[in-house]
Amino acid sequence: MSHPQGEKKEAALRLVAWEITRNCNLNCVHCRAAATKGPYTGEADTAAALRLLDQIAEVGSPIVILTGGEPLLRPDIFDIASYGTAKGLRMVMAPNGTLITETYAEKMADAGIRRISISLDGSTKEIHDAFRGVEGAFEGALRGLRFAKAAGIEFQINTTISKANLEQIPKIQELAVRLGAVAHHIFLLVPTGRGKYMLDQEISAEQYEQTLNWFYDQRDKTPLQLKATCAPHYYRILRQRAKAEGKSVTFQTHGLDAVTRGCLGGTGFCFISHRGIVQPCGFLDVNCGDITKTSFAQVWHRSEVFLSLRNFENLKGKCGDCEFKRVCGGCRARAYEATGDFLAEEPLCSYQPVSRRNTP
């Protein structure tokens, strides 16, 4: 793959999502990992986990998301979080909420966990529990949030959008405000893992566009920080709408709700699996290196996959022609699932690049 002289090969590491365990107590219908109750083989022991944090700290001071599965099922999770905090890493956690007790919430706070993200995929227990595959998941998540709030840990609400809950998004956002969340992050369904069996639940390109425009409209109507993930078109819409309204485009570029560009896979973000395989993101199942065999720095700086993703001239089809490719980039995971090529055009985009509009 070509890397012209003008292209930046190095990339600042902003976010690492680490699947610290695949073990889980829920059975979510859209789960990327198809996680269930383990145990799973090949997961890093405590010593290996701390070594990985050492290696991440050598590359930068990113936000490290301890995710899963269910991270609270690891008995050493608070030791790992404390170690990362001491290394100067910004440690956050993505539990499902059902296992958070008053004691666990206090241990999170003591370990320096800056924020937790809890997923709510419905504003009622019926809708959320159906998504999560376990009765009581909704009440368990709300109980966990109350404990986290009491311990002084800020939290955000994550929502994966599909046909099943598209009409629920405004109600979920209202619920997030009532609960005292600091942010609402929406995720557009990527058909990987169990999500492959939800292809009929994937919203259309037109619904996608409408939803992201609605999300933009909420910016001045809610106290929540808003961020769209696995929805790179939002960063095109931000610019289009701001220009149409005569506003300057200002972005929060630091912190847990940083808004910079669409797909960050391999450019400012990477995912590390429970077995130490590094990927551009959790949904893009492409092996970029194995940290049990080579250093994290080696993978981040030299992976051919990462280098190709950092050169936006490599994008193909409509994405390659698009004037917004540097701020959007299209979802590389959706492209890969649809075509087998992670550089192909994003299949769920209704936007026509200017250069194509007069083309027969």
Protein backbone atom coordinates (compact mmCIF):
# COMPACT_ATOMS: atom_id res chain seq x y z
CA MET A 1 0.00 0.00 0.00
CA SER A 2 1.28 3.41 -0.90
CA HIS A 3 2.24 6.03 1.66
CA PRO A 4 3.04 9.26 -0.19
CA GLN A 5 5.67 11.50 1.33
CA GLY A 6 3.06 14.06 2.32
CA GLU A 7 1.02 11.60 4.37
CA LYS A 8 1.46 11.40 8.11
CA LYS A 9 2.41 7.86 9.09
CA GLU A 10 2.57 8.48 12.82
CA ALA A 11 -0.67 9.01 14.70
CA ALA A 12 -1.36 10.26 18.20
CA LEU A 13 -2.92 7.54 20.33
CA ARG A 14 -6.05 8.98 21.94
CA LEU A 15 -8.14 5.96 22.90
CA VAL A 16 -7.54 2.27 23.59
CA ALA A 17 -10.44 -0.10 24.19
CA TRP A 18 -9.14 -3.19 25.97
CA GLU A 19 -11.36 -6.25 26.13
CA ILE A 20 -9.90 -7.26 29.44
CA THR A 21 -12.17 -10.30 29.57
CA ARG A 22 -14.76 -11.83 27.26
CA ASN A 23 -16.59 -13.35 30.21
CA CYS A 24 -20.04 -11.80 30.64
CA ASN A 25 -23.18 -12.20 32.72
CA LEU A 26 -25.51 -10.93 29.98
CA ASN A 27 -26.42 -12.27 26.54
CA CYS A 28 -26.93 -9.17 24.39
CA VAL A 29 -28.50 -9.72 20.97
CA HIS A 30 -26.12 -7.29 19.23
CA CYS A 31 -22.90 -8.29 21.05
CA ARG A 32 -19.77 -7.73 18.96
CA ALA A 33 -17.93 -10.45 20.89
CA ALA A 34 -20.85 -12.88 21.16
CA ALA A 35 -19.70 -12.95 24.78
CA THR A 36 -21.22 -15.28 27.34
CA LYS A 37 -20.23 -16.90 30.62
CA GLY A 38 -16.66 -18.16 30.29
CA PRO A 39 -14.09 -18.94 31.24
CA TYR A 40 -12.21 -18.02 28.06
CA THR A 41 -8.69 -19.21 27.43
CA GLY A 42 -5.76 -16.97 26.59
CA GLU A 43 -6.73 -13.95 28.68
CA ALA A 44 -3.83 -11.98 30.14
CA ASP A 45 -2.96 -12.70 33.77
CA THR A 46 -2.34 -9.79 36.13
CA ALA A 47 1.39 -9.52 35.38
CA ALA A 48 0.79 -9.51 31.62
CA ALA A 49 -1.99 -6.94 32.02
CA LEU A 50 0.32 -4.57 33.91
CA ARG A 51 3.05 -5.04 31.28
CA LEU A 52 0.59 -4.03 28.59
CA LEU A 53 -0.26 -0.83 30.49
CA ASP A 54 3.49 -0.10 30.68
CA GLN A 55 3.71 -0.48 26.91
CA ILE A 56 0.66 1.70 26.25
CA ALA A 57 2.13 4.41 28.48
CA GLU A 58 5.31 4.33 26.38
CA VAL A 59 3.27 5.33 23.32
CA GLY A 60 1.20 8.09 24.93
CA SER A 61 -1.31 8.98 27.65
CA PRO A 62 -4.55 7.82 26.07
CA ILE A 63 -7.90 7.13 27.59
CA VAL A 64 -7.95 3.38 28.32
CA ILE A 65 -11.41 1.83 28.26
CA LEU A 66 -11.56 -1.36 30.32
CA THR A 67 -14.30 -3.26 28.54
CA GLY A 68 -15.47 -6.79 27.90
CA GLY A 69 -17.49 -8.92 28.22
CA GLU A 70 -18.03 -7.62 31.70
CA PRO A 71 -14.83 -6.11 33.18
CA LEU A 72 -16.09 -6.49 36.78
CA LEU A 73 -15.89 -10.28 36.39
CA ARG A 74 -12.08 -10.00 36.59
CA PRO A 75 -11.01 -10.28 40.24
CA ASP A 76 -7.93 -8.12 39.58
CA ILE A 77 -9.77 -5.34 37.76
CA PHE A 78 -9.21 -2.70 40.44
CA ASP A 79 -5.49 -3.51 40.69
CA ILE A 80 -5.20 -3.07 36.93
CA ALA A 81 -7.15 0.19 36.98
CA SER A 82 -5.06 1.56 39.85
CA TYR A 83 -1.83 0.66 38.05
CA GLY A 84 -2.96 2.43 34.88
CA THR A 85 -3.93 5.52 36.84
CA ALA A 86 -0.49 5.57 38.50
CA LYS A 87 1.12 5.37 35.03
CA GLY A 88 -0.70 8.55 34.00
CA LEU A 89 -3.26 6.82 31.81
CA ARG A 90 -6.85 8.04 31.91
CA MET A 91 -8.70 4.95 33.04
CA VAL A 92 -12.40 4.47 32.35
CA MET A 93 -14.61 1.40 32.42
CA ALA A 94 -17.53 0.00 30.42
CA PRO A 95 -19.49 -2.32 32.72
CA ASN A 96 -23.11 -3.20 32.07
CA GLY A 97 -24.04 -1.87 35.52
CA THR A 98 -25.71 -4.96 36.91
CA LEU A 99 -22.71 -6.02 39.02
CA ILE A 100 -21.92 -2.61 40.50
CA THR A 101 -22.39 -2.63 44.26
CA GLU A 102 -21.71 0.16 46.73
CA THR A 103 -18.35 -1.49 47.52
CA TYR A 104 -17.41 -1.88 43.85
CA ALA A 105 -18.32 1.73 43.14
CA GLU A 106 -16.04 2.90 45.95
CA LYS A 107 -13.24 0.65 44.66
CA MET A 108 -13.66 2.14 41.18
CA ALA A 109 -13.32 5.64 42.62
CA ASP A 110 -10.25 4.62 44.66
CA ALA A 111 -8.67 3.09 41.54
CA GLY A 112 -8.98 6.39 39.70
CA ILE A 113 -11.72 5.39 37.26
CA ARG A 114 -12.65 8.73 35.68
CA ARG A 115 -15.91 7.66 34.17
CA ILE A 116 -18.02 4.60 33.45
CA SER A 117 -20.26 4.04 30.46
CA ILE A 118 -23.48 2.10 30.89
CA SER A 119 -25.51 1.00 27.89
CA LEU A 120 -29.24 1.69 27.84
CA ASP A 121 -30.87 0.48 24.65
CA GLY A 122 -34.40 1.28 25.74
CA SER A 123 -36.11 3.69 28.13
CA THR A 124 -38.11 0.83 29.66
CA LYS A 125 -37.15 -2.50 31.14
CA GLU A 126 -39.09 -4.39 28.46
CA ILE A 127 -37.10 -2.96 25.56
CA HIS A 128 -33.71 -2.89 27.29
CA ASP A 129 -34.02 -6.39 28.76
CA ALA A 130 -35.03 -7.79 25.35
CA PHE A 131 -31.82 -6.27 23.90
CA ARG A 132 -29.69 -7.56 26.76
CA GLY A 133 -31.14 -11.07 26.81
CA VAL A 134 -31.52 -11.14 30.61
CA GLU A 135 -34.54 -10.13 32.65
CA GLY A 136 -33.65 -7.52 35.26
CA ALA A 137 -30.78 -6.00 33.23
CA PHE A 138 -32.50 -2.58 33.11
CA GLU A 139 -33.16 -2.35 36.84
CA GLY A 140 -29.65 -3.68 37.51
CA ALA A 141 -28.09 -1.00 35.30
CA LEU A 142 -30.05 1.79 37.02
CA ARG A 143 -29.09 0.45 40.45
CA GLY A 144 -25.42 0.36 39.41
CA LEU A 145 -25.62 3.93 38.16
CA ARG A 146 -26.99 5.10 41.50
CA PHE A 147 -24.05 3.50 43.32
CA ALA A 148 -21.55 5.04 40.89
CA LYS A 149 -23.10 8.48 41.27
CA ALA A 150 -23.02 8.21 45.06
CA ALA A 151 -19.31 7.34 44.87
CA GLY A 152 -18.63 10.46 42.81
CA ILE A 153 -17.97 8.67 39.52
CA GLU A 154 -19.38 10.41 36.47
CA PHE A 155 -21.18 8.27 33.93
CA GLN A 156 -22.32 8.37 30.34
CA ILE A 157 -25.16 6.51 28.66
CA ASN A 158 -24.34 4.55 25.49
CA THR A 159 -27.10 3.49 23.10
CA THR A 160 -26.81 1.15 20.12
CA ILE A 161 -29.38 2.22 17.54
CA SER A 162 -31.38 -0.30 15.52
CA LYS A 163 -34.92 -0.48 14.13
CA ALA A 164 -36.00 -2.00 17.44
CA ASN A 165 -35.25 1.17 19.42
CA LEU A 166 -34.97 3.98 16.87
CA GLU A 167 -38.14 5.66 18.17
CA GLN A 168 -36.81 5.30 21.73
CA ILE A 169 -33.74 7.52 21.31
CA PRO A 170 -35.38 10.80 22.51
CA LYS A 171 -36.82 9.01 25.56
CA ILE A 172 -33.45 7.42 26.36
CA GLN A 173 -31.81 10.83 26.16
CA GLU A 174 -34.44 12.28 28.52
CA LEU A 175 -33.83 9.38 30.90
CA ALA A 176 -30.06 10.00 30.77
CA VAL A 177 -30.67 13.61 31.86
CA ARG A 178 -32.94 12.52 34.72
CA LEU A 179 -30.38 9.97 35.92
CA GLY A 180 -27.65 12.61 36.06
CA ALA A 181 -25.48 11.40 33.19
CA VAL A 182 -22.80 13.72 31.84
CA ALA A 183 -22.97 12.43 28.27
CA HIS A 184 -24.97 10.43 25.75
CA HIS A 185 -23.00 8.51 23.14
CA ILE A 186 -24.93 6.84 20.32
CA PHE A 187 -23.61 3.86 18.37
CA LEU A 188 -24.96 2.77 15.01
CA LEU A 189 -25.31 -1.02 14.82
CA VAL A 190 -22.35 -2.71 13.13
CA PRO A 191 -23.31 -6.22 11.97
CA THR A 192 -20.53 -8.23 13.63
CA GLY A 193 -20.64 -10.98 16.27
CA ARG A 194 -24.24 -11.63 17.23
CA GLY A 195 -25.07 -8.40 15.40
CA LYS A 196 -24.78 -10.36 12.14
CA TYR A 197 -28.09 -11.97 13.03
CA MET A 198 -29.67 -8.53 13.38
CA LEU A 199 -29.12 -7.42 9.79
CA ASP A 200 -32.87 -7.02 9.43
CA GLN A 201 -32.69 -4.57 12.37
CA GLU A 202 -30.10 -2.31 10.72
CA ILE A 203 -31.63 1.09 9.96
CA SER A 204 -31.55 2.39 6.39
CA ALA A 205 -29.13 5.00 5.08
CA GLU A 206 -32.00 7.53 5.06
CA GLN A 207 -32.98 6.75 8.67
CA TYR A 208 -29.29 6.99 9.59
CA GLU A 209 -29.10 10.49 8.08
CA GLN A 210 -32.34 11.59 9.78
CA THR A 211 -31.19 10.25 13.16
CA LEU A 212 -27.85 12.04 13.00
CA ASN A 213 -29.53 15.30 12.02
CA TRP A 214 -31.88 14.90 14.99
CA PHE A 215 -28.85 14.25 17.20
CA TYR A 216 -27.24 17.45 15.90
CA ASP A 217 -30.41 19.39 16.78
CA GLN A 218 -30.15 18.25 20.43
CA ARG A 219 -26.80 19.99 20.95
CA ASP A 220 -28.44 23.19 22.20
CA LYS A 221 -31.38 21.45 23.89
CA THR A 222 -29.71 19.13 26.38
CA PRO A 223 -27.11 19.55 29.13
CA LEU A 224 -25.49 16.30 27.99
CA GLN A 225 -22.26 16.07 26.04
CA LEU A 226 -23.23 14.34 22.77
CA LYS A 227 -21.02 12.07 20.73
CA ALA A 228 -21.74 9.73 17.82
CA THR A 229 -19.60 6.58 17.55
CA CYS A 230 -19.60 4.09 14.66
CA ALA A 231 -21.49 6.91 12.93
CA PRO A 232 -18.77 8.81 11.07
CA HIS A 233 -21.29 10.64 8.85
CA TYR A 234 -22.13 12.76 11.90
CA TYR A 235 -18.86 14.64 11.44
CA ARG A 236 -19.87 15.54 7.88
CA ILE A 237 -23.31 16.62 9.10
CA LEU A 238 -21.74 18.78 11.83
CA ARG A 239 -19.84 20.72 9.19
CA GLN A 240 -22.70 20.89 6.69
CA ARG A 241 -25.20 22.13 9.26
CA ALA A 242 -22.81 24.65 10.81
CA LYS A 243 -21.98 26.07 7.39
CA ALA A 244 -25.67 26.31 6.44
CA GLU A 245 -26.40 28.11 9.71
CA GLY A 246 -23.45 30.47 9.29
CA LYS A 247 -21.75 29.13 12.39
CA SER A 248 -18.08 28.40 12.89
CA VAL A 249 -17.33 24.76 13.57
CA THR A 250 -15.83 24.34 17.02
CA PHE A 251 -15.00 20.96 18.45
CA GLN A 252 -14.02 19.65 21.84
CA THR A 253 -10.79 17.88 20.93
CA HIS A 254 -9.70 16.67 24.36
CA GLY A 255 -11.28 14.65 27.09
CA LEU A 256 -13.74 11.81 27.23
CA ASP A 257 -16.25 13.39 24.82
CA ALA A 258 -13.68 14.62 22.29
CA VAL A 259 -15.11 15.20 18.85
CA THR A 260 -12.43 15.13 16.19
CA ARG A 261 -13.32 13.03 13.16
CA GLY A 262 -15.52 10.10 12.20
CA CYS A 263 -13.83 6.70 12.06
CA LEU A 264 -10.84 6.72 14.42
CA GLY A 265 -9.96 3.06 13.81
CA GLY A 266 -6.19 2.81 13.46
CA THR A 267 -5.72 6.59 13.40
CA GLY A 268 -6.33 7.66 17.01
CA PHE A 269 -7.96 4.54 18.40
CA CYS A 270 -7.37 0.82 18.59
CA PHE A 271 -8.90 -2.23 20.23
CA ILE A 272 -7.08 -5.02 22.06
CA SER A 273 -8.88 -8.36 22.29
CA HIS A 274 -9.02 -10.63 25.32
CA ARG A 275 -6.23 -12.69 23.73
CA GLY A 276 -3.99 -9.73 22.93
CA ILE A 277 -4.84 -9.26 19.26
CA VAL A 278 -4.77 -5.59 18.24
CA GLN A 279 -7.48 -4.42 15.81
CA PRO A 280 -8.47 -1.01 14.38
CA CYS A 281 -11.69 -1.30 16.41
CA GLY A 282 -13.71 -4.00 18.11
CA PHE A 283 -16.01 -4.34 15.12
CA LEU A 284 -13.26 -4.60 12.49
CA ASP A 285 -11.94 -8.11 12.97
CA VAL A 286 -8.58 -7.62 11.25
CA ASN A 287 -5.43 -8.76 13.03
CA CYS A 288 -2.92 -5.90 13.22
CA GLY A 289 -0.53 -7.60 15.63
CA ASP A 290 -0.30 -9.75 18.74
CA ILE A 291 0.94 -8.04 21.91
CA THR A 292 1.82 -11.43 23.41
CA LYS A 293 4.50 -11.70 20.69
CA THR A 294 5.49 -8.11 19.95
CA SER A 295 5.34 -4.75 21.70
CA PHE A 296 2.29 -2.53 21.59
CA ALA A 297 4.43 0.34 20.24
CA GLN A 298 5.61 -1.84 17.36
CA VAL A 299 2.02 -2.64 16.41
CA TRP A 300 0.72 0.91 16.77
CA HIS A 301 3.52 2.53 14.78
CA ARG A 302 4.23 -0.14 12.15
CA SER A 303 1.13 -2.22 11.43
CA GLU A 304 0.50 -2.17 7.69
CA VAL A 305 -3.25 -2.07 8.35
CA PHE A 306 -2.90 0.99 10.59
CA LEU A 307 -0.60 2.73 8.12
CA SER A 308 -3.08 2.13 5.31
CA LEU A 309 -5.95 3.53 7.38
CA ARG A 310 -3.93 6.68 8.17
CA ASN A 311 -3.59 7.48 4.48
CA PHE A 312 -7.06 8.66 3.50
CA GLU A 313 -6.05 8.54 -0.17
CA ASN A 314 -6.35 4.75 0.13
CA LEU A 315 -10.13 4.91 0.57
CA LYS A 316 -12.04 3.47 -2.38
CA GLY A 317 -15.31 4.04 -4.19
CA LYS A 318 -17.54 6.87 -3.04
CA CYS A 319 -15.52 7.34 0.16
CA GLY A 320 -12.35 7.88 -1.86
CA ASP A 321 -14.06 10.56 -3.95
CA CYS A 322 -15.73 12.30 -1.02
CA GLU A 323 -14.69 15.81 -0.01
CA PHE A 324 -15.43 14.88 3.62
CA LYS A 325 -13.18 11.80 3.72
CA ARG A 326 -10.72 13.39 6.15
CA VAL A 327 -13.44 14.24 8.68
CA CYS A 328 -15.72 11.25 8.14
CA GLY A 329 -13.82 8.35 6.61
CA GLY A 330 -16.84 6.05 6.57
CA CYS A 331 -17.22 3.07 8.90
CA ARG A 332 -14.37 0.75 7.98
CA ALA A 333 -16.01 -2.15 9.84
CA ARG A 334 -19.28 -1.88 7.90
CA ALA A 335 -17.29 -1.69 4.66
CA TYR A 336 -15.35 -4.81 5.64
CA GLU A 337 -18.45 -6.78 6.62
CA ALA A 338 -20.16 -5.85 3.35
CA THR A 339 -17.24 -6.37 0.95
CA GLY A 340 -14.29 -8.03 2.70
CA ASP A 341 -12.25 -4.86 2.06
CA PHE A 342 -11.89 -2.40 4.94
CA LEU A 343 -10.94 0.39 2.52
CA ALA A 344 -14.11 0.01 0.43
CA GLU A 345 -16.90 2.60 0.50
CA GLU A 346 -19.24 2.75 3.48
CA PRO A 347 -22.44 0.87 2.55
CA LEU A 348 -24.76 2.88 4.82
CA CYS A 349 -24.26 6.36 3.41
CA SER A 350 -26.75 8.26 1.28
CA TYR A 351 -24.46 11.25 0.62
CA GLN A 352 -23.21 11.81 -2.91
CA PRO A 353 -19.78 13.48 -3.15
CA VAL A 354 -19.71 16.72 -5.17
CA SER A 355 -17.37 15.12 -7.71
CA ARG A 356 -19.99 12.45 -8.51
CA ARG A 357 -23.13 14.55 -8.76
CA ASN A 358 -22.80 15.34 -12.45
CA THR A 359 -21.50 11.91 -13.35
CA PRO A 360 -23.99 9.80 -15.33
